[in-house]
Structures are given as structure tokens and as C-alpha cells.
Amino acid sequence: MATVRLLNLKRKLKRDDKLFNVYKETVNGYIEKGYVSSLDTTEGFKLNQTWYLPHHPLLNPKKPDKVR
């Protein structure tokens, strides 16, 4: 299910350049603020168990240039 959602998000971002750029800026902002980080494969890694961070762009019509 996570893989299908990721592929759908990828298709959506490929179709909409503006959404892609805003989404990319938002995710990069999360990385800069320390909300998100890469996981070292030796840190907290268990065999046969994979965790996916659910994410998708949330848009507010009153704030068209902001994505959460």
C-alpha cells in the first residue's frame, strides 16, 4: 500500500511543477529544522521490518503557496 501511494505521489508531482517545487521546499525546510532526518542503516534497523513515513501534500485554497 505504501509503495502504491508513493507511486501516485510521484505521478502527481511529475504532472504539477509548481506543486513539486513547493513540496520540495517544504520537505527541505523540515530537514533544515531537524524535524526529518535520514536513518543510518545500523541505527534502529531490524531485519524484515520496514517503516515508511506517511506523507502527502496538504493544500489550503486560502493559502495557495503553502504546503503542509
N, C-alpha and C. Protein backbone atom coordinates (compact mmCIF):
# COMPACT_ATOMS: atom_id res chain seq x y z
N MET A 1 0.82 -1.18 0.00
CA MET A 1 0.00 0.00 0.00
C MET A 1 0.88 1.26 0.00
N ALA A 2 1.95 1.24 0.79
CA ALA A 2 2.85 2.39 0.85
C ALA A 2 3.52 2.64 -0.50
N THR A 3 3.87 1.56 -1.18
CA THR A 3 4.51 1.70 -2.48
C THR A 3 3.56 2.32 -3.50
N VAL A 4 2.31 1.90 -3.49
CA VAL A 4 1.32 2.45 -4.41
C VAL A 4 1.12 3.93 -4.14
N ARG A 5 1.03 4.31 -2.87
CA ARG A 5 0.86 5.72 -2.53
C ARG A 5 2.06 6.54 -2.98
N LEU A 6 3.25 5.99 -2.82
CA LEU A 6 4.46 6.69 -3.26
C LEU A 6 4.45 6.89 -4.77
N LEU A 7 4.06 5.86 -5.51
CA LEU A 7 4.00 5.98 -6.97
C LEU A 7 2.94 7.00 -7.39
N ASN A 8 1.81 7.03 -6.70
CA ASN A 8 0.78 8.02 -7.01
C ASN A 8 1.28 9.43 -6.74
N LEU A 9 1.98 9.62 -5.62
CA LEU A 9 2.54 10.93 -5.30
C LEU A 9 3.56 11.34 -6.35
N LYS A 10 4.39 10.40 -6.78
CA LYS A 10 5.40 10.68 -7.80
C LYS A 10 4.74 11.14 -9.09
N ARG A 11 3.67 10.44 -9.50
CA ARG A 11 2.94 10.83 -10.72
C ARG A 11 2.34 12.22 -10.58
N LYS A 12 1.76 12.49 -9.42
CA LYS A 12 1.13 13.79 -9.19
C LYS A 12 2.16 14.92 -9.24
N LEU A 13 3.32 14.70 -8.63
CA LEU A 13 4.36 15.72 -8.62
C LEU A 13 4.99 15.92 -10.00
N LYS A 14 5.03 14.86 -10.80
CA LYS A 14 5.55 14.99 -12.17
C LYS A 14 4.63 15.83 -13.03
N ARG A 15 3.33 15.73 -12.79
CA ARG A 15 2.35 16.49 -13.58
C ARG A 15 2.30 17.96 -13.23
N ASP A 16 2.61 18.30 -11.97
CA ASP A 16 2.43 19.67 -11.48
C ASP A 16 3.76 20.23 -10.96
N ASP A 17 4.45 21.01 -11.81
CA ASP A 17 5.76 21.55 -11.45
C ASP A 17 5.68 22.48 -10.24
N LYS A 18 4.64 23.29 -10.18
CA LYS A 18 4.51 24.23 -9.06
C LYS A 18 4.36 23.47 -7.74
N LEU A 19 3.50 22.46 -7.73
CA LEU A 19 3.32 21.65 -6.52
C LEU A 19 4.62 20.95 -6.15
N PHE A 20 5.35 20.44 -7.15
CA PHE A 20 6.62 19.77 -6.89
C PHE A 20 7.61 20.72 -6.19
N ASN A 21 7.73 21.94 -6.71
CA ASN A 21 8.68 22.89 -6.12
C ASN A 21 8.28 23.29 -4.70
N VAL A 22 7.00 23.53 -4.46
CA VAL A 22 6.55 23.90 -3.12
C VAL A 22 6.74 22.73 -2.16
N TYR A 23 6.42 21.52 -2.64
CA TYR A 23 6.56 20.31 -1.82
C TYR A 23 8.04 20.09 -1.46
N LYS A 24 8.92 20.25 -2.46
CA LYS A 24 10.35 20.07 -2.24
C LYS A 24 10.87 21.09 -1.22
N GLU A 25 10.45 22.35 -1.34
CA GLU A 25 10.87 23.38 -0.39
C GLU A 25 10.38 23.06 1.02
N THR A 26 9.17 22.55 1.13
CA THR A 26 8.61 22.20 2.44
C THR A 26 9.41 21.07 3.09
N VAL A 27 9.67 20.02 2.33
CA VAL A 27 10.43 18.88 2.86
C VAL A 27 11.86 19.32 3.22
N ASN A 28 12.49 20.13 2.38
CA ASN A 28 13.83 20.63 2.70
C ASN A 28 13.81 21.48 3.97
N GLY A 29 12.75 22.25 4.16
CA GLY A 29 12.60 23.03 5.38
C GLY A 29 12.50 22.14 6.61
N TYR A 30 11.77 21.01 6.48
CA TYR A 30 11.67 20.06 7.59
C TYR A 30 13.04 19.48 7.92
N ILE A 31 13.83 19.21 6.90
CA ILE A 31 15.18 18.66 7.11
C ILE A 31 16.05 19.70 7.82
N GLU A 32 16.01 20.94 7.34
CA GLU A 32 16.81 22.02 7.95
C GLU A 32 16.44 22.25 9.41
N LYS A 33 15.16 22.15 9.74
CA LYS A 33 14.69 22.38 11.10
C LYS A 33 14.92 21.16 12.00
N GLY A 34 15.32 20.03 11.40
CA GLY A 34 15.58 18.84 12.19
C GLY A 34 14.35 17.99 12.47
N TYR A 35 13.23 18.30 11.82
CA TYR A 35 12.01 17.51 12.01
C TYR A 35 12.14 16.14 11.34
N VAL A 36 12.95 16.08 10.27
CA VAL A 36 13.14 14.87 9.49
C VAL A 36 14.62 14.64 9.32
N SER A 37 15.05 13.40 9.38
CA SER A 37 16.46 13.10 9.14
C SER A 37 16.58 11.74 8.49
N SER A 38 17.70 11.52 7.84
CA SER A 38 17.98 10.21 7.26
C SER A 38 18.33 9.25 8.37
N LEU A 39 17.96 8.01 8.18
CA LEU A 39 18.24 6.99 9.17
C LEU A 39 19.44 6.18 8.72
N ASP A 40 20.42 6.09 9.59
CA ASP A 40 21.58 5.25 9.32
C ASP A 40 21.10 3.80 9.36
N THR A 41 21.55 2.98 8.44
CA THR A 41 21.06 1.60 8.37
C THR A 41 21.40 0.79 9.62
N THR A 42 22.40 1.19 10.38
CA THR A 42 22.74 0.45 11.60
C THR A 42 21.97 0.98 12.80
N GLU A 43 21.37 2.13 12.67
CA GLU A 43 20.65 2.75 13.77
C GLU A 43 19.17 2.38 13.72
N GLY A 44 18.71 1.61 14.68
CA GLY A 44 17.29 1.27 14.76
C GLY A 44 16.80 0.39 13.63
N PHE A 45 17.67 -0.36 13.02
CA PHE A 45 17.30 -1.18 11.88
C PHE A 45 17.05 -2.61 12.34
N LYS A 46 15.90 -3.16 11.93
CA LYS A 46 15.59 -4.56 12.23
C LYS A 46 15.31 -5.27 10.92
N LEU A 47 15.81 -6.47 10.80
CA LEU A 47 15.57 -7.25 9.58
C LEU A 47 14.09 -7.54 9.42
N ASN A 48 13.66 -7.59 8.18
CA ASN A 48 12.28 -7.91 7.82
C ASN A 48 11.26 -6.92 8.38
N GLN A 49 11.70 -5.74 8.74
CA GLN A 49 10.77 -4.72 9.22
C GLN A 49 11.15 -3.39 8.60
N THR A 50 10.22 -2.80 7.86
CA THR A 50 10.46 -1.53 7.20
C THR A 50 9.39 -0.55 7.62
N TRP A 51 9.79 0.68 7.94
CA TRP A 51 8.86 1.71 8.35
C TRP A 51 8.84 2.80 7.29
N TYR A 52 7.67 3.23 6.93
CA TYR A 52 7.52 4.29 5.95
C TYR A 52 6.90 5.51 6.63
N LEU A 53 7.43 6.65 6.34
CA LEU A 53 6.87 7.89 6.85
C LEU A 53 5.74 8.30 5.91
N PRO A 54 4.49 8.26 6.40
CA PRO A 54 3.40 8.66 5.51
C PRO A 54 3.44 10.17 5.28
N HIS A 55 3.38 10.55 4.05
CA HIS A 55 3.38 11.97 3.74
C HIS A 55 2.66 12.20 2.42
N HIS A 56 2.01 13.30 2.35
CA HIS A 56 1.36 13.74 1.13
C HIS A 56 1.11 15.23 1.29
N PRO A 57 1.08 15.95 0.19
CA PRO A 57 0.89 17.40 0.30
C PRO A 57 -0.54 17.75 0.69
N LEU A 58 -0.68 18.60 1.69
CA LEU A 58 -1.98 19.13 2.08
C LEU A 58 -2.04 20.57 1.61
N LEU A 59 -3.05 20.88 0.87
CA LEU A 59 -3.20 22.21 0.29
C LEU A 59 -4.42 22.90 0.88
N ASN A 60 -4.28 24.20 1.13
CA ASN A 60 -5.38 25.02 1.61
C ASN A 60 -5.69 26.04 0.52
N PRO A 61 -6.93 26.08 0.01
CA PRO A 61 -7.24 27.02 -1.06
C PRO A 61 -7.02 28.48 -0.67
N LYS A 62 -7.09 28.79 0.62
CA LYS A 62 -6.88 30.16 1.07
C LYS A 62 -5.40 30.51 1.17
N LYS A 63 -4.53 29.49 1.16
CA LYS A 63 -3.08 29.69 1.22
C LYS A 63 -2.44 28.90 0.08
N PRO A 64 -2.57 29.36 -1.14
CA PRO A 64 -2.14 28.55 -2.30
C PRO A 64 -0.64 28.30 -2.38
N ASP A 65 0.18 29.10 -1.74
CA ASP A 65 1.63 28.91 -1.84
C ASP A 65 2.21 28.13 -0.65
N LYS A 66 1.35 27.54 0.16
CA LYS A 66 1.82 26.83 1.34
C LYS A 66 1.37 25.36 1.27
N VAL A 67 2.29 24.48 1.58
CA VAL A 67 2.01 23.04 1.62
C VAL A 67 2.41 22.53 2.99
N ARG A 68 1.56 21.68 3.58
CA ARG A 68 1.94 21.05 4.85
C ARG A 68 2.12 19.57 4.60
